[in-house]
Amino acid sequence: MATLRLRSPLRELAGAADLNVPGDTVGEVLRGLEAASPKLVGWVLDESGALREHVVVFVNGERAGLDAPVAASDRLHVLPAISGGCHADDAAIA
């Protein structure tokens, strides 16, 4: 089984940062993740099963799509986009 590492807020929804999830492709691993952690449904994959626009998956440090092969020794990182920043008016107040 591949090791899947989740970042906030996904790790809070899954209840763990690292999970072992079976699958031969990134898509199979992510569908297995959702099956094991129902609170994650809709956070990583959209209703059509595609990777959400704001989520990036890496396999052993390389960006990967849903069809990318996964071996039992692989490490997957699921990274949701982080938004934020400072508005110019806010900077003037600080």
N, C-alpha and C. Protein backbone atom coordinates (compact mmCIF):
# COMPACT_ATOMS: atom_id res chain seq x y z
N MET A 1 0.83 -1.18 0.00
CA MET A 1 0.00 0.00 0.00
C MET A 1 0.87 1.25 0.00
N ALA A 2 0.48 2.22 -0.77
CA ALA A 2 1.19 3.49 -0.81
C ALA A 2 0.91 4.27 0.46
N THR A 3 1.87 5.09 0.86
CA THR A 3 1.68 5.97 2.01
C THR A 3 1.21 7.32 1.50
N LEU A 4 0.14 7.79 2.07
CA LEU A 4 -0.49 9.03 1.65
C LEU A 4 -0.32 10.04 2.78
N ARG A 5 0.24 11.20 2.47
CA ARG A 5 0.42 12.26 3.47
C ARG A 5 -0.55 13.39 3.17
N LEU A 6 -1.29 13.79 4.18
CA LEU A 6 -2.28 14.85 4.05
C LEU A 6 -1.83 16.07 4.84
N ARG A 7 -2.15 17.23 4.32
CA ARG A 7 -1.89 18.50 4.99
C ARG A 7 -3.22 19.05 5.51
N SER A 8 -3.12 20.05 6.37
CA SER A 8 -4.34 20.70 6.86
C SER A 8 -5.07 21.34 5.70
N PRO A 9 -6.37 21.40 5.70
CA PRO A 9 -7.34 20.87 6.66
C PRO A 9 -7.69 19.41 6.41
N LEU A 10 -7.09 18.80 5.37
CA LEU A 10 -7.45 17.42 5.04
C LEU A 10 -7.09 16.44 6.15
N ARG A 11 -5.96 16.67 6.80
CA ARG A 11 -5.56 15.73 7.87
C ARG A 11 -6.56 15.74 9.02
N GLU A 12 -7.13 16.90 9.32
CA GLU A 12 -8.13 16.96 10.38
C GLU A 12 -9.39 16.19 9.99
N LEU A 13 -9.78 16.29 8.74
CA LEU A 13 -10.97 15.56 8.28
C LEU A 13 -10.74 14.05 8.26
N ALA A 14 -9.52 13.63 7.94
CA ALA A 14 -9.19 12.20 7.89
C ALA A 14 -8.84 11.65 9.27
N GLY A 15 -8.46 12.52 10.19
CA GLY A 15 -8.08 12.07 11.53
C GLY A 15 -6.65 11.59 11.61
N ALA A 16 -5.86 11.80 10.55
CA ALA A 16 -4.45 11.39 10.55
C ALA A 16 -3.72 12.13 9.44
N ALA A 17 -2.41 12.28 9.62
CA ALA A 17 -1.59 12.93 8.59
C ALA A 17 -1.09 11.91 7.57
N ASP A 18 -0.78 10.71 8.03
CA ASP A 18 -0.26 9.65 7.15
C ASP A 18 -1.19 8.46 7.17
N LEU A 19 -1.53 7.98 5.98
CA LEU A 19 -2.41 6.83 5.85
C LEU A 19 -1.84 5.88 4.81
N ASN A 20 -2.06 4.60 4.99
CA ASN A 20 -1.71 3.62 3.97
C ASN A 20 -2.98 3.25 3.23
N VAL A 21 -2.98 3.51 1.92
CA VAL A 21 -4.18 3.33 1.11
C VAL A 21 -3.82 2.49 -0.11
N PRO A 22 -4.58 1.41 -0.38
CA PRO A 22 -4.29 0.59 -1.56
C PRO A 22 -4.73 1.27 -2.85
N GLY A 23 -4.10 0.88 -3.94
CA GLY A 23 -4.49 1.37 -5.26
C GLY A 23 -3.32 1.28 -6.22
N ASP A 24 -3.62 1.09 -7.49
CA ASP A 24 -2.59 0.99 -8.52
C ASP A 24 -2.37 2.30 -9.25
N THR A 25 -3.27 3.26 -9.07
CA THR A 25 -3.14 4.59 -9.67
C THR A 25 -3.46 5.63 -8.60
N VAL A 26 -3.08 6.87 -8.88
CA VAL A 26 -3.40 7.96 -7.96
C VAL A 26 -4.91 8.03 -7.74
N GLY A 27 -5.68 7.90 -8.82
CA GLY A 27 -7.14 7.96 -8.71
C GLY A 27 -7.70 6.87 -7.80
N GLU A 28 -7.18 5.65 -7.94
CA GLU A 28 -7.64 4.55 -7.08
C GLU A 28 -7.30 4.82 -5.62
N VAL A 29 -6.11 5.35 -5.37
CA VAL A 29 -5.71 5.67 -3.99
C VAL A 29 -6.63 6.74 -3.42
N LEU A 30 -6.92 7.77 -4.20
CA LEU A 30 -7.78 8.85 -3.69
C LEU A 30 -9.21 8.39 -3.47
N ARG A 31 -9.72 7.53 -4.34
CA ARG A 31 -11.06 6.97 -4.12
C ARG A 31 -11.07 6.08 -2.87
N GLY A 32 -9.98 5.35 -2.65
CA GLY A 32 -9.85 4.55 -1.43
C GLY A 32 -9.78 5.42 -0.19
N LEU A 33 -9.11 6.56 -0.32
CA LEU A 33 -9.03 7.51 0.79
C LEU A 33 -10.42 8.01 1.16
N GLU A 34 -11.21 8.38 0.15
CA GLU A 34 -12.57 8.86 0.41
C GLU A 34 -13.44 7.76 1.02
N ALA A 35 -13.26 6.53 0.58
CA ALA A 35 -14.05 5.42 1.14
C ALA A 35 -13.69 5.19 2.61
N ALA A 36 -12.41 5.33 2.94
CA ALA A 36 -11.96 5.11 4.32
C ALA A 36 -12.24 6.31 5.21
N SER A 37 -12.33 7.50 4.61
CA SER A 37 -12.55 8.74 5.38
C SER A 37 -13.67 9.54 4.72
N PRO A 38 -14.92 9.16 4.97
CA PRO A 38 -16.05 9.82 4.30
C PRO A 38 -16.12 11.33 4.48
N LYS A 39 -15.52 11.88 5.54
CA LYS A 39 -15.53 13.33 5.73
C LYS A 39 -14.74 14.05 4.63
N LEU A 40 -13.88 13.32 3.91
CA LEU A 40 -13.07 13.91 2.84
C LEU A 40 -13.80 13.96 1.50
N VAL A 41 -14.95 13.30 1.40
CA VAL A 41 -15.67 13.27 0.13
C VAL A 41 -15.97 14.70 -0.31
N GLY A 42 -15.56 15.02 -1.54
CA GLY A 42 -15.77 16.33 -2.10
C GLY A 42 -14.63 17.30 -1.88
N TRP A 43 -13.69 16.97 -1.02
CA TRP A 43 -12.57 17.86 -0.75
C TRP A 43 -11.42 17.66 -1.72
N VAL A 44 -11.20 16.43 -2.18
CA VAL A 44 -10.07 16.12 -3.06
C VAL A 44 -10.56 15.88 -4.48
N LEU A 45 -11.59 15.05 -4.61
CA LEU A 45 -12.19 14.75 -5.91
C LEU A 45 -13.54 15.44 -6.00
N ASP A 46 -13.88 15.91 -7.20
CA ASP A 46 -15.18 16.54 -7.37
C ASP A 46 -16.25 15.48 -7.64
N GLU A 47 -17.49 15.92 -7.87
CA GLU A 47 -18.61 14.99 -8.03
C GLU A 47 -18.47 14.09 -9.26
N SER A 48 -17.63 14.48 -10.23
CA SER A 48 -17.42 13.64 -11.41
C SER A 48 -16.21 12.73 -11.26
N GLY A 49 -15.51 12.81 -10.12
CA GLY A 49 -14.35 11.97 -9.87
C GLY A 49 -13.04 12.58 -10.33
N ALA A 50 -13.08 13.82 -10.80
CA ALA A 50 -11.86 14.52 -11.23
C ALA A 50 -11.20 15.19 -10.02
N LEU A 51 -9.91 15.40 -10.12
CA LEU A 51 -9.18 16.09 -9.06
C LEU A 51 -9.65 17.54 -9.01
N ARG A 52 -9.95 18.01 -7.83
CA ARG A 52 -10.41 19.40 -7.68
C ARG A 52 -9.30 20.34 -8.15
N GLU A 53 -9.72 21.46 -8.70
CA GLU A 53 -8.80 22.43 -9.26
C GLU A 53 -7.77 22.93 -8.24
N HIS A 54 -8.15 23.04 -7.00
CA HIS A 54 -7.28 23.60 -5.97
C HIS A 54 -6.45 22.56 -5.24
N VAL A 55 -6.44 21.30 -5.72
CA VAL A 55 -5.68 20.23 -5.08
C VAL A 55 -4.59 19.75 -6.02
N VAL A 56 -3.40 19.55 -5.46
CA VAL A 56 -2.26 19.03 -6.22
C VAL A 56 -1.79 17.75 -5.55
N VAL A 57 -1.48 16.74 -6.36
CA VAL A 57 -0.98 15.47 -5.83
C VAL A 57 0.43 15.24 -6.37
N PHE A 58 1.32 14.82 -5.47
CA PHE A 58 2.68 14.47 -5.84
C PHE A 58 2.92 13.00 -5.49
N VAL A 59 3.61 12.29 -6.37
CA VAL A 59 4.05 10.92 -6.10
C VAL A 59 5.57 10.96 -6.07
N ASN A 60 6.12 10.65 -4.92
CA ASN A 60 7.58 10.69 -4.73
C ASN A 60 8.18 12.02 -5.19
N GLY A 61 7.49 13.10 -4.88
CA GLY A 61 8.00 14.42 -5.19
C GLY A 61 7.70 14.95 -6.58
N GLU A 62 7.07 14.14 -7.42
CA GLU A 62 6.72 14.57 -8.78
C GLU A 62 5.22 14.78 -8.89
N ARG A 63 4.82 15.90 -9.48
CA ARG A 63 3.39 16.17 -9.65
C ARG A 63 2.78 15.07 -10.51
N ALA A 64 1.59 14.58 -10.11
CA ALA A 64 0.98 13.44 -10.79
C ALA A 64 -0.51 13.65 -10.97
N GLY A 65 -1.03 13.09 -12.05
CA GLY A 65 -2.46 13.11 -12.32
C GLY A 65 -3.12 11.83 -11.83
N LEU A 66 -4.41 11.74 -12.01
CA LEU A 66 -5.17 10.59 -11.51
C LEU A 66 -4.77 9.27 -12.15
N ASP A 67 -4.26 9.30 -13.39
CA ASP A 67 -3.88 8.06 -14.08
C ASP A 67 -2.46 7.61 -13.77
N ALA A 68 -1.71 8.37 -13.00
CA ALA A 68 -0.32 8.02 -12.70
C ALA A 68 -0.26 6.72 -11.91
N PRO A 69 0.65 5.81 -12.27
CA PRO A 69 0.78 4.56 -11.54
C PRO A 69 1.35 4.77 -10.14
N VAL A 70 0.94 3.90 -9.24
CA VAL A 70 1.39 3.96 -7.85
C VAL A 70 1.85 2.57 -7.42
N ALA A 71 3.04 2.50 -6.84
CA ALA A 71 3.57 1.26 -6.30
C ALA A 71 3.42 1.27 -4.78
N ALA A 72 3.51 0.10 -4.19
CA ALA A 72 3.33 -0.03 -2.74
C ALA A 72 4.34 0.80 -1.96
N SER A 73 5.52 1.03 -2.51
CA SER A 73 6.57 1.76 -1.80
C SER A 73 6.49 3.28 -2.03
N ASP A 74 5.52 3.74 -2.81
CA ASP A 74 5.43 5.17 -3.14
C ASP A 74 4.85 5.99 -2.00
N ARG A 75 5.25 7.28 -2.00
CA ARG A 75 4.70 8.26 -1.06
C ARG A 75 3.94 9.29 -1.86
N LEU A 76 2.68 9.48 -1.50
CA LEU A 76 1.83 10.48 -2.15
C LEU A 76 1.61 11.62 -1.17
N HIS A 77 1.67 12.84 -1.69
CA HIS A 77 1.36 14.03 -0.90
C HIS A 77 0.17 14.70 -1.56
N VAL A 78 -0.85 14.98 -0.77
CA VAL A 78 -2.04 15.68 -1.27
C VAL A 78 -2.02 17.06 -0.65
N LEU A 79 -1.92 18.07 -1.53
CA LEU A 79 -1.79 19.44 -1.06
C LEU A 79 -2.94 20.30 -1.55
N PRO A 80 -3.79 20.75 -0.65
CA PRO A 80 -4.82 21.72 -1.05
C PRO A 80 -4.18 23.09 -1.18
N ALA A 81 -4.68 23.89 -2.09
CA ALA A 81 -4.16 25.25 -2.26
C ALA A 81 -4.42 26.05 -1.00
N ILE A 82 -3.51 26.93 -0.71
CA ILE A 82 -3.66 27.81 0.44
C ILE A 82 -3.78 29.22 -0.11
N SER A 83 -4.87 29.87 0.24
CA SER A 83 -5.05 31.23 -0.23
C SER A 83 -4.94 32.18 0.94
N GLY A 84 -4.79 33.40 0.62
CA GLY A 84 -4.72 34.39 1.68
C GLY A 84 -3.81 35.51 1.23
N GLY A 85 -3.39 36.26 2.14
CA GLY A 85 -2.53 37.37 1.80
C GLY A 85 -3.00 38.62 2.50
N CYS A 86 -2.51 39.66 2.01
CA CYS A 86 -2.75 40.93 2.67
C CYS A 86 -3.24 41.93 1.64
N HIS A 87 -4.29 42.61 1.94
CA HIS A 87 -4.79 43.68 1.10
C HIS A 87 -3.96 44.93 1.39
N ALA A 88 -3.71 45.75 0.39
CA ALA A 88 -2.88 46.94 0.56
C ALA A 88 -3.36 47.83 1.70
N ASP A 89 -4.68 47.96 1.86
CA ASP A 89 -5.22 48.78 2.94
C ASP A 89 -4.91 48.16 4.30
N ASP A 90 -4.91 46.81 4.37
CA ASP A 90 -4.61 46.14 5.62
C ASP A 90 -3.15 46.37 6.02
N ALA A 91 -2.26 46.41 5.01
CA ALA A 91 -0.84 46.61 5.30
C ALA A 91 -0.59 48.00 5.88
N ALA A 92 -1.35 48.97 5.41
CA ALA A 92 -1.19 50.32 5.91
C ALA A 92 -1.62 50.45 7.36
N ILE A 93 -2.60 49.61 7.76
CA ILE A 93 -3.09 49.64 9.13
C ILE A 93 -2.10 49.00 10.08
N ALA A 94 -1.41 47.95 9.61
CA ALA A 94 -0.46 47.23 10.45
C ALA A 94 0.74 48.06 10.68
